[in-house]
Amino acid sequence: MVTKEDIDRVVRGPADLEERIEQLLKQKEILKSACKKAGARIAQLEELEIRLVGDIDRLVEENSNLKTMLKS
C-alpha cells in the first residue's frame, strides 16, 4: 500500500512526462511568439525591397536620360 510518506518522497524530475509536456508547451509558446516577430520583420523587409527596387529603377532611368542629354 502506498503511504503519504511514499508520495512525499517522490520528486518529479526532468524525465517526468507531465513536466516534460509542460516544458514543451512553454517552448511552443516561445517559438510561436518568435515566429510572429520574424514574420512581421520579413514583411517589413519585403516592403523595403519593393521600394528600393523602385528607387533603383527610377535612378537608372534618370542616369540614362542624363547620359542621353549630355551626348546631344
N, C-alpha and C. Protein backbone atom coordinates (compact mmCIF):
# COMPACT_ATOMS: atom_id res chain seq x y z
N MET A 1 0.83 -1.17 0.00
CA MET A 1 0.00 0.00 0.00
C MET A 1 0.89 1.25 0.00
N VAL A 2 0.50 2.26 -0.75
CA VAL A 2 1.26 3.50 -0.87
C VAL A 2 0.84 4.44 0.25
N THR A 3 1.83 4.93 0.97
CA THR A 3 1.55 5.83 2.09
C THR A 3 1.86 7.27 1.69
N LYS A 4 1.45 8.19 2.55
CA LYS A 4 1.71 9.60 2.29
C LYS A 4 3.22 9.86 2.26
N GLU A 5 3.97 9.17 3.10
CA GLU A 5 5.42 9.32 3.10
C GLU A 5 6.02 8.89 1.77
N ASP A 6 5.48 7.82 1.19
CA ASP A 6 5.96 7.36 -0.12
C ASP A 6 5.73 8.44 -1.19
N ILE A 7 4.55 9.03 -1.13
CA ILE A 7 4.21 10.06 -2.12
C ILE A 7 5.10 11.29 -1.93
N ASP A 8 5.35 11.65 -0.65
CA ASP A 8 6.20 12.81 -0.38
C ASP A 8 7.63 12.59 -0.85
N ARG A 9 8.10 11.36 -0.85
CA ARG A 9 9.47 11.07 -1.28
C ARG A 9 9.64 11.17 -2.80
N VAL A 10 8.55 11.00 -3.53
CA VAL A 10 8.64 11.03 -4.99
C VAL A 10 8.83 12.49 -5.43
N VAL A 11 9.92 12.73 -6.10
CA VAL A 11 10.21 14.07 -6.60
C VAL A 11 10.16 14.02 -8.12
N ARG A 12 9.38 14.94 -8.67
CA ARG A 12 9.28 14.96 -10.13
C ARG A 12 10.59 15.46 -10.71
N GLY A 13 11.11 14.72 -11.67
CA GLY A 13 12.35 15.09 -12.32
C GLY A 13 12.11 15.41 -13.77
N PRO A 14 13.18 15.70 -14.50
CA PRO A 14 13.03 16.05 -15.92
C PRO A 14 12.49 14.91 -16.76
N ALA A 15 12.56 13.67 -16.26
CA ALA A 15 12.06 12.54 -17.02
C ALA A 15 10.55 12.36 -16.83
N ASP A 16 9.96 13.10 -15.91
CA ASP A 16 8.53 13.01 -15.65
C ASP A 16 7.77 13.52 -16.87
N LEU A 17 6.83 12.74 -17.36
CA LEU A 17 6.13 13.10 -18.60
C LEU A 17 5.30 14.37 -18.46
N GLU A 18 4.65 14.55 -17.33
CA GLU A 18 3.84 15.76 -17.16
C GLU A 18 4.72 17.00 -17.18
N GLU A 19 5.86 16.93 -16.53
CA GLU A 19 6.78 18.07 -16.52
C GLU A 19 7.33 18.32 -17.92
N ARG A 20 7.65 17.25 -18.62
CA ARG A 20 8.17 17.39 -19.98
C ARG A 20 7.13 18.02 -20.90
N ILE A 21 5.88 17.62 -20.73
CA ILE A 21 4.80 18.20 -21.53
C ILE A 21 4.68 19.70 -21.24
N GLU A 22 4.75 20.08 -19.97
CA GLU A 22 4.69 21.50 -19.61
C GLU A 22 5.84 22.28 -20.24
N GLN A 23 7.04 21.69 -20.19
CA GLN A 23 8.20 22.35 -20.80
C GLN A 23 8.01 22.54 -22.30
N LEU A 24 7.49 21.51 -22.95
CA LEU A 24 7.30 21.59 -24.40
C LEU A 24 6.20 22.60 -24.76
N LEU A 25 5.17 22.68 -23.95
CA LEU A 25 4.12 23.67 -24.21
C LEU A 25 4.65 25.09 -24.05
N LYS A 26 5.48 25.32 -23.03
CA LYS A 26 6.10 26.64 -22.86
C LYS A 26 7.01 26.96 -24.04
N GLN A 27 7.79 25.95 -24.46
CA GLN A 27 8.69 26.15 -25.60
C GLN A 27 7.90 26.45 -26.86
N LYS A 28 6.76 25.79 -27.02
CA LYS A 28 5.90 26.02 -28.18
C LYS A 28 5.42 27.47 -28.21
N GLU A 29 5.01 28.01 -27.07
CA GLU A 29 4.55 29.39 -27.00
C GLU A 29 5.68 30.37 -27.31
N ILE A 30 6.87 30.09 -26.80
CA ILE A 30 8.03 30.95 -27.08
C ILE A 30 8.34 30.94 -28.57
N LEU A 31 8.33 29.76 -29.17
CA LEU A 31 8.62 29.65 -30.61
C LEU A 31 7.53 30.31 -31.44
N LYS A 32 6.28 30.20 -31.01
CA LYS A 32 5.18 30.83 -31.74
C LYS A 32 5.36 32.35 -31.74
N SER A 33 5.74 32.89 -30.59
CA SER A 33 5.97 34.33 -30.48
C SER A 33 7.14 34.76 -31.37
N ALA A 34 8.20 33.99 -31.34
CA ALA A 34 9.37 34.32 -32.17
C ALA A 34 9.03 34.26 -33.65
N CYS A 35 8.21 33.30 -34.04
CA CYS A 35 7.80 33.18 -35.45
C CYS A 35 6.95 34.37 -35.88
N LYS A 36 6.07 34.84 -34.98
CA LYS A 36 5.25 36.01 -35.31
C LYS A 36 6.14 37.23 -35.52
N LYS A 37 7.12 37.41 -34.64
CA LYS A 37 8.04 38.55 -34.78
C LYS A 37 8.84 38.44 -36.07
N ALA A 38 9.32 37.24 -36.37
CA ALA A 38 10.10 37.04 -37.59
C ALA A 38 9.23 37.29 -38.82
N GLY A 39 7.99 36.84 -38.79
CA GLY A 39 7.08 37.07 -39.91
C GLY A 39 6.83 38.54 -40.15
N ALA A 40 6.65 39.28 -39.07
CA ALA A 40 6.43 40.73 -39.20
C ALA A 40 7.67 41.40 -39.78
N ARG A 41 8.83 40.98 -39.33
CA ARG A 41 10.09 41.57 -39.84
C ARG A 41 10.29 41.23 -41.31
N ILE A 42 9.96 40.02 -41.69
CA ILE A 42 10.07 39.61 -43.10
C ILE A 42 9.15 40.48 -43.96
N ALA A 43 7.94 40.73 -43.48
CA ALA A 43 7.01 41.58 -44.23
C ALA A 43 7.58 42.99 -44.39
N GLN A 44 8.18 43.53 -43.33
CA GLN A 44 8.80 44.86 -43.41
C GLN A 44 9.92 44.87 -44.45
N LEU A 45 10.74 43.84 -44.43
CA LEU A 45 11.88 43.79 -45.35
C LEU A 45 11.41 43.63 -46.80
N GLU A 46 10.33 42.89 -47.00
CA GLU A 46 9.79 42.74 -48.36
C GLU A 46 9.27 44.07 -48.88
N GLU A 47 8.59 44.83 -48.02
CA GLU A 47 8.11 46.17 -48.42
C GLU A 47 9.29 47.08 -48.76
N LEU A 48 10.32 47.04 -47.94
CA LEU A 48 11.51 47.85 -48.19
C LEU A 48 12.16 47.46 -49.51
N GLU A 49 12.23 46.18 -49.78
CA GLU A 49 12.83 45.71 -51.04
C GLU A 49 12.06 46.26 -52.24
N ILE A 50 10.74 46.24 -52.16
CA ILE A 50 9.93 46.75 -53.26
C ILE A 50 10.20 48.23 -53.49
N ARG A 51 10.28 48.99 -52.38
CA ARG A 51 10.57 50.44 -52.51
C ARG A 51 11.96 50.67 -53.09
N LEU A 52 12.93 49.89 -52.63
CA LEU A 52 14.30 50.08 -53.11
C LEU A 52 14.44 49.70 -54.59
N VAL A 53 13.76 48.66 -55.00
CA VAL A 53 13.80 48.28 -56.42
C VAL A 53 13.21 49.41 -57.25
N GLY A 54 12.11 50.00 -56.77
CA GLY A 54 11.52 51.14 -57.49
C GLY A 54 12.47 52.32 -57.56
N ASP A 55 13.14 52.61 -56.45
CA ASP A 55 14.12 53.71 -56.44
C ASP A 55 15.27 53.44 -57.40
N ILE A 56 15.75 52.22 -57.42
CA ILE A 56 16.86 51.86 -58.32
C ILE A 56 16.42 52.00 -59.77
N ASP A 57 15.24 51.52 -60.09
CA ASP A 57 14.73 51.65 -61.47
C ASP A 57 14.62 53.12 -61.87
N ARG A 58 14.11 53.95 -60.96
CA ARG A 58 13.98 55.39 -61.25
C ARG A 58 15.35 56.02 -61.47
N LEU A 59 16.32 55.68 -60.62
CA LEU A 59 17.66 56.26 -60.74
C LEU A 59 18.37 55.79 -62.02
N VAL A 60 18.16 54.55 -62.38
CA VAL A 60 18.76 54.06 -63.63
C VAL A 60 18.18 54.82 -64.82
N GLU A 61 16.87 55.06 -64.79
CA GLU A 61 16.22 55.80 -65.86
C GLU A 61 16.74 57.24 -65.92
N GLU A 62 16.86 57.89 -64.74
CA GLU A 62 17.39 59.25 -64.70
C GLU A 62 18.83 59.29 -65.21
N ASN A 63 19.62 58.34 -64.84
CA ASN A 63 21.00 58.27 -65.29
C ASN A 63 21.06 58.12 -66.81
N SER A 64 20.21 57.25 -67.32
CA SER A 64 20.16 57.05 -68.77
C SER A 64 19.75 58.34 -69.48
N ASN A 65 18.76 59.03 -68.93
CA ASN A 65 18.31 60.30 -69.53
C ASN A 65 19.43 61.34 -69.51
N LEU A 66 20.16 61.43 -68.39
CA LEU A 66 21.25 62.41 -68.30
C LEU A 66 22.35 62.09 -69.31
N LYS A 67 22.67 60.81 -69.48
CA LYS A 67 23.70 60.43 -70.47
C LYS A 67 23.26 60.80 -71.88
N THR A 68 21.98 60.60 -72.14
CA THR A 68 21.45 60.94 -73.47
C THR A 68 21.52 62.45 -73.70
N MET A 69 21.17 63.23 -72.67
CA MET A 69 21.21 64.68 -72.79
C MET A 69 22.64 65.19 -72.98
N LEU A 70 23.60 64.58 -72.31
CA LEU A 70 24.99 65.02 -72.41
C LEU A 70 25.59 64.70 -73.78
N LYS A 71 25.11 63.64 -74.40
CA LYS A 71 25.62 63.27 -75.74
C LYS A 71 25.16 64.24 -76.80
N SER A 72 24.03 64.90 -76.58
CA SER A 72 23.46 65.79 -77.60
C SER A 72 24.21 67.09 -77.71
